[in-house]
Amino acid sequence: MKKIYKAMSIGAAALLIGLLSGCGGGGTSESSSATGTVALSLTDAPVDNEAISAVYVTFDSLQYQYADGNDSWQDVNLTESRTVNLLALQDGNTTLLNQVDLPAGEIAQVRFMIDTEKCYVVVDEQNKTLEVPSGDQTGYKAVGGFTIPAGGTVNVTADFDLRKSLTITGKDRYILKPTIKIVDNSEVGEINGTVTVDTNGSTAVIYAYEDGTWDSNETNATNNFRHAVSSTKVSNGDYILPWLSAGVYDLVVASYDVNGDFEAVMGFVNNVTVDPDQTTTQGINDPLADYQP
């Protein structure tokens, strides 16, 4: 009989422990304590004004928001402020901004906090103040999410598109309102090739649009190719469009004068497929074969 009572006591204790564990009574599950590594790099698309040779932005910290519905943010202070010349990061070039261990899970967006007192542009070899509204207060959120794997590493790249982000006013003011896209490096590919479109000595820029989203009205000053997901300058007849998410794209070739003012659409190619971790070669030879203004 004593053995029976002893067995019942042990069973009751085990049940009580199980109930407490299931209700979160001080226990920590393996999934909630698991961590992974985020390696975040920066890249950029160029500006069209040839007088601008550098755009320096100083980063103070990062904030990662989890997609758990609780509006939870994970703050990451950089060891020290990091000043980066974004214009040096073209044609797929990157620089590592930060690598950190964080709780595993899905990240909905990333916020970049900027030291607005240490940002400037170089114009005609002279340093000019770069205004970054709210960069040190609310920061700038990037579009795009990714998953931090438990016990693993995710490499992501933040694309600062200066062509969309940098505004030059008539009063010689330079204002940065970043348009930032974040991609998981394992899920992107690139398009490159040769361009034989004659731009009569003007600067040629290629814009990539998600298939079917190009609208010729975007050539006006208000829209200014704003729905393009990426862009690049043509250099010596060649171009590279890196960091494109897998999908189908349309390419638009535009010409600009030395002041960065739009002149005309010079070429168009549709239905260019990008696969993850692959390079698609696409020549642009027939200027306006598929273009319908």
Protein backbone atom coordinates (compact mmCIF):
# COMPACT_ATOMS: atom_id res chain seq x y z
CA MET A 1 0.00 0.00 0.00
CA LYS A 2 2.85 2.41 0.79
CA LYS A 3 4.28 1.72 -2.66
CA ILE A 4 0.95 2.66 -4.25
CA TYR A 5 0.78 5.98 -2.29
CA LYS A 6 4.40 6.72 -3.22
CA ALA A 7 3.71 6.12 -6.91
CA MET A 8 0.62 8.34 -6.76
CA SER A 9 2.63 11.13 -5.11
CA ILE A 10 5.32 10.96 -7.77
CA GLY A 11 2.69 11.01 -10.52
CA ALA A 12 0.92 14.01 -8.99
CA ALA A 13 4.19 15.90 -8.68
CA ALA A 14 5.06 15.17 -12.30
CA LEU A 15 1.62 16.36 -13.42
CA LEU A 16 1.94 19.57 -11.41
CA ILE A 17 5.35 20.31 -12.95
CA GLY A 18 3.96 19.66 -16.40
CA LEU A 19 1.06 22.04 -15.83
CA LEU A 20 3.33 24.78 -14.51
CA SER A 21 5.65 24.38 -17.49
CA GLY A 22 2.76 24.53 -19.94
CA CYS A 23 1.47 27.73 -18.33
CA GLY A 24 4.86 29.44 -18.48
CA GLY A 25 5.53 29.07 -14.78
CA GLY A 26 9.10 30.32 -14.94
CA GLY A 27 10.25 27.97 -17.72
CA THR A 28 11.92 29.20 -20.94
CA SER A 29 11.22 27.27 -24.11
CA GLU A 30 14.03 26.33 -26.44
CA SER A 31 12.55 28.35 -29.31
CA SER A 32 12.29 31.56 -27.24
CA SER A 33 15.90 31.33 -26.09
CA ALA A 34 17.39 30.40 -29.49
CA THR A 35 19.45 33.03 -31.26
CA GLY A 36 20.86 33.58 -34.72
CA THR A 37 23.22 36.01 -36.41
CA VAL A 38 22.31 38.95 -38.65
CA ALA A 39 25.03 40.32 -40.93
CA LEU A 40 23.75 43.57 -42.44
CA SER A 41 25.58 45.25 -45.34
CA LEU A 42 24.95 48.46 -47.29
CA THR A 43 24.84 49.12 -51.02
CA ASP A 44 23.59 51.99 -53.19
CA ALA A 45 22.48 53.23 -56.58
CA PRO A 46 24.23 56.35 -57.97
CA VAL A 47 23.00 59.92 -58.31
CA ASP A 48 22.70 61.57 -61.71
CA ASN A 49 24.35 64.91 -60.95
CA GLU A 50 27.99 64.52 -62.02
CA ALA A 51 29.10 67.33 -59.69
CA ILE A 52 28.32 65.15 -56.64
CA SER A 53 31.27 62.85 -55.96
CA ALA A 54 30.43 61.56 -52.45
CA VAL A 55 27.52 61.28 -50.03
CA TYR A 56 28.58 60.58 -46.43
CA VAL A 57 26.02 59.27 -43.93
CA THR A 58 26.83 58.51 -40.28
CA PHE A 59 24.97 55.63 -38.62
CA ASP A 60 24.49 55.50 -34.83
CA SER A 61 22.32 52.44 -34.26
CA LEU A 62 19.87 49.95 -35.73
CA GLN A 63 16.45 48.76 -34.62
CA TYR A 64 14.96 45.43 -35.70
CA GLN A 65 11.19 44.94 -35.49
CA TYR A 66 9.84 41.40 -35.08
CA ALA A 67 6.73 40.32 -36.97
CA ASP A 68 5.05 38.98 -33.83
CA GLY A 69 2.20 41.45 -33.70
CA ASN A 70 3.49 43.03 -30.50
CA ASP A 71 5.33 45.93 -32.13
CA SER A 72 8.51 44.66 -30.48
CA TRP A 73 11.80 46.30 -31.45
CA GLN A 74 15.32 45.08 -30.74
CA ASP A 75 17.82 47.95 -30.33
CA VAL A 76 21.38 47.45 -31.56
CA ASN A 77 23.87 50.19 -30.73
CA LEU A 78 26.91 50.23 -32.98
CA THR A 79 30.22 49.98 -31.14
CA GLU A 80 30.95 53.43 -32.52
CA SER A 81 29.30 55.67 -35.10
CA ARG A 82 30.05 54.54 -38.63
CA THR A 83 30.38 57.04 -41.49
CA VAL A 84 29.89 55.55 -44.95
CA ASN A 85 30.28 57.09 -48.40
CA LEU A 86 27.20 55.62 -50.05
CA LEU A 87 28.33 56.64 -53.53
CA ALA A 88 31.29 54.27 -53.20
CA LEU A 89 28.87 51.34 -52.99
CA GLN A 90 27.70 50.98 -56.58
CA ASP A 91 27.52 48.13 -59.12
CA GLY A 92 26.92 45.54 -56.40
CA ASN A 93 29.68 46.68 -54.05
CA THR A 94 28.82 46.50 -50.35
CA THR A 95 30.22 47.25 -46.92
CA LEU A 96 29.34 45.41 -43.71
CA LEU A 97 27.61 47.81 -41.32
CA ASN A 98 26.97 45.45 -38.41
CA GLN A 99 26.89 41.80 -37.37
CA VAL A 100 24.98 40.85 -34.24
CA ASP A 101 23.33 37.90 -32.48
CA LEU A 102 19.58 38.35 -31.96
CA PRO A 103 16.65 36.14 -30.95
CA ALA A 104 15.61 33.88 -33.83
CA GLY A 105 12.43 34.88 -35.63
CA GLU A 106 10.90 36.82 -38.48
CA ILE A 107 11.98 40.46 -38.89
CA ALA A 108 9.35 42.75 -40.41
CA GLN A 109 11.51 45.84 -40.88
CA VAL A 110 14.72 47.57 -39.87
CA ARG A 111 15.12 51.17 -38.71
CA PHE A 112 18.36 53.11 -39.24
CA MET A 113 19.24 55.83 -36.71
CA ILE A 114 21.50 58.51 -38.16
CA ASP A 115 23.77 61.18 -36.64
CA THR A 116 22.47 64.13 -38.63
CA GLU A 117 25.34 66.40 -37.53
CA LYS A 118 27.90 64.23 -39.32
CA CYS A 119 26.29 63.84 -42.74
CA TYR A 120 27.54 65.75 -45.78
CA VAL A 121 27.95 65.66 -49.55
CA VAL A 122 30.96 66.55 -51.69
CA VAL A 123 30.00 68.84 -54.57
CA ASP A 124 32.65 70.12 -56.97
CA GLU A 125 35.24 69.02 -54.37
CA GLN A 126 33.59 71.09 -51.62
CA ASN A 127 31.83 69.71 -48.55
CA LYS A 128 28.17 70.72 -48.29
CA THR A 129 25.76 70.12 -45.41
CA LEU A 130 23.47 67.17 -45.94
CA GLU A 131 20.12 67.64 -44.21
CA VAL A 132 18.58 64.41 -42.90
CA PRO A 133 15.14 65.27 -41.45
CA SER A 134 14.26 63.18 -38.36
CA GLY A 135 17.21 60.87 -38.98
CA ASP A 136 18.29 61.08 -35.32
CA GLN A 137 14.75 61.02 -33.90
CA THR A 138 12.50 58.52 -35.67
CA GLY A 139 15.18 57.17 -38.00
CA TYR A 140 14.41 55.63 -41.40
CA LYS A 141 12.60 52.37 -41.93
CA ALA A 142 13.64 49.95 -44.64
CA VAL A 143 11.14 48.05 -46.78
CA GLY A 144 11.49 44.25 -46.74
CA GLY A 145 11.78 41.51 -44.13
CA PHE A 146 13.77 38.35 -43.49
CA THR A 147 14.09 35.48 -41.02
CA ILE A 148 16.82 35.03 -38.40
CA PRO A 149 17.49 31.26 -38.26
CA ALA A 150 18.03 29.59 -34.87
CA GLY A 151 21.71 28.71 -34.62
CA GLY A 152 22.46 30.09 -38.10
CA THR A 153 23.36 33.29 -39.96
CA VAL A 154 21.33 35.39 -42.36
CA ASN A 155 23.17 37.82 -44.65
CA VAL A 156 21.06 40.78 -45.71
CA THR A 157 21.74 43.93 -47.73
CA ALA A 158 20.17 47.36 -47.33
CA ASP A 159 19.97 49.21 -50.65
CA PHE A 160 20.06 52.99 -50.16
CA ASP A 161 18.75 54.34 -53.45
CA LEU A 162 20.28 57.82 -53.59
CA ARG A 163 18.68 58.50 -56.95
CA LYS A 164 15.31 58.50 -55.15
CA SER A 165 16.53 59.70 -51.76
CA LEU A 166 18.64 62.79 -52.47
CA THR A 167 16.88 66.07 -53.24
CA ILE A 168 18.66 69.22 -54.37
CA THR A 169 16.71 72.45 -53.96
CA GLY A 170 17.12 75.67 -55.88
CA LYS A 171 18.77 77.21 -52.82
CA ASP A 172 21.69 74.79 -53.01
CA ARG A 173 20.32 72.67 -50.18
CA TYR A 174 20.93 68.92 -50.14
CA ILE A 175 18.23 66.89 -48.38
CA LEU A 176 18.30 63.14 -47.76
CA LYS A 177 15.03 61.24 -47.29
CA PRO A 178 16.23 57.67 -47.70
CA THR A 179 14.41 55.09 -49.75
CA ILE A 180 15.79 51.83 -48.38
CA LYS A 181 15.10 48.26 -49.48
CA ILE A 182 16.35 45.21 -47.56
CA VAL A 183 16.90 41.85 -49.23
CA ASP A 184 18.01 38.41 -48.04
CA ASN A 185 21.18 37.73 -50.03
CA SER A 186 20.18 34.10 -50.64
CA GLU A 187 16.98 35.19 -52.40
CA VAL A 188 18.38 37.65 -54.95
CA GLY A 189 20.07 37.57 -58.33
CA GLU A 190 21.32 40.16 -60.82
CA ILE A 191 20.92 41.33 -64.39
CA ASN A 192 23.87 42.54 -66.42
CA GLY A 193 24.75 43.08 -70.06
CA THR A 194 25.78 45.46 -72.79
CA VAL A 195 23.91 48.51 -74.05
CA THR A 196 24.29 49.74 -77.62
CA VAL A 197 21.68 52.48 -77.39
CA ASP A 198 23.07 55.80 -78.67
CA THR A 199 22.49 58.50 -76.03
CA ASN A 200 24.44 61.17 -77.95
CA GLY A 201 26.97 61.62 -75.16
CA SER A 202 24.42 61.88 -72.33
CA THR A 203 24.53 59.71 -69.20
CA ALA A 204 22.50 56.52 -69.61
CA VAL A 205 20.63 55.06 -66.63
CA ILE A 206 18.79 51.72 -66.57
CA TYR A 207 15.77 51.27 -64.32
CA ALA A 208 14.38 47.87 -63.32
CA TYR A 209 10.61 47.57 -62.79
CA GLU A 210 8.65 44.61 -61.56
CA ASP A 211 6.95 43.12 -64.60
CA GLY A 212 4.03 45.23 -65.81
CA THR A 213 4.49 48.14 -63.39
CA TRP A 214 6.25 50.56 -65.75
CA ASP A 215 4.20 53.64 -66.65
CA SER A 216 5.54 56.24 -69.10
CA ASN A 217 4.06 58.99 -66.90
CA GLU A 218 6.92 58.34 -64.49
CA THR A 219 9.24 60.34 -66.72
CA ASN A 220 7.83 63.64 -65.44
CA ALA A 221 9.54 65.59 -62.66
CA THR A 222 6.92 64.62 -60.05
CA ASN A 223 7.12 60.86 -60.48
CA ASN A 224 10.75 60.57 -61.61
CA PHE A 225 10.83 56.76 -62.07
CA ARG A 226 9.70 56.39 -58.45
CA HIS A 227 8.27 52.87 -58.84
CA ALA A 228 11.53 51.40 -60.13
CA VAL A 229 12.94 48.80 -57.73
CA SER A 230 16.56 49.41 -58.78
CA SER A 231 18.68 51.52 -61.10
CA THR A 232 22.24 51.82 -62.35
CA LYS A 233 24.40 53.92 -64.65
CA VAL A 234 25.73 52.53 -67.90
CA SER A 235 29.53 52.54 -67.82
CA ASN A 236 31.51 52.05 -71.04
CA GLY A 237 28.50 50.34 -72.58
CA ASP A 238 28.00 47.88 -69.72
CA TYR A 239 25.54 47.76 -66.83
CA ILE A 240 24.91 45.75 -63.65
CA LEU A 241 21.62 45.58 -61.72
CA PRO A 242 22.41 43.62 -58.55
CA TRP A 243 20.35 42.72 -55.46
CA LEU A 244 17.14 42.03 -57.35
CA SER A 245 14.61 39.73 -55.69
CA ALA A 246 13.71 36.70 -57.78
CA GLY A 247 11.03 37.58 -60.33
CA VAL A 248 10.37 39.07 -63.76
CA TYR A 249 11.43 42.62 -64.64
CA ASP A 250 11.12 45.27 -67.33
CA LEU A 251 14.16 47.44 -68.08
CA VAL A 252 13.93 51.12 -69.06
CA VAL A 253 16.91 53.04 -70.46
CA ALA A 254 16.84 56.80 -69.82
CA SER A 255 19.28 59.58 -70.71
CA TYR A 256 20.32 62.47 -68.44
CA ASP A 257 22.34 65.66 -68.97
CA VAL A 258 25.34 66.67 -66.82
CA ASN A 259 23.06 68.35 -64.27
CA GLY A 260 21.11 65.15 -63.73
CA ASP A 261 18.03 66.36 -65.60
CA PHE A 262 16.01 63.73 -67.48
CA GLU A 263 16.11 63.95 -71.27
CA ALA A 264 14.36 60.95 -72.85
CA VAL A 265 13.58 57.24 -72.74
CA MET A 266 16.11 55.60 -75.06
CA GLY A 267 15.37 51.89 -74.68
CA PHE A 268 13.02 49.29 -73.24
CA VAL A 269 13.16 45.52 -72.68
CA ASN A 270 10.44 43.48 -71.00
CA ASN A 271 10.12 40.03 -69.40
CA VAL A 272 13.64 39.61 -68.00
CA THR A 273 13.70 36.76 -65.47
CA VAL A 274 15.86 36.79 -62.33
CA ASP A 275 16.49 33.59 -60.35
CA PRO A 276 17.96 33.37 -56.82
CA ASP A 277 21.77 33.39 -56.73
CA GLN A 278 21.93 33.57 -60.53
CA THR A 279 23.08 36.15 -63.08
CA THR A 280 20.85 36.93 -66.07
CA THR A 281 22.64 38.42 -69.08
CA GLN A 282 20.46 40.77 -71.09
CA GLY A 283 21.77 42.90 -73.94
CA ILE A 284 19.86 46.06 -74.86
CA ASN A 285 20.39 46.50 -78.56
CA ASP A 286 17.09 47.43 -80.20
CA PRO A 287 16.37 50.79 -78.57
CA LEU A 288 12.56 50.95 -78.44
CA ALA A 289 11.40 47.61 -79.80
CA ASP A 290 8.99 46.91 -76.95
CA TYR A 291 8.38 50.46 -75.78
CA GLN A 292 4.82 51.82 -75.77
CA PRO A 293 4.73 55.41 -74.43
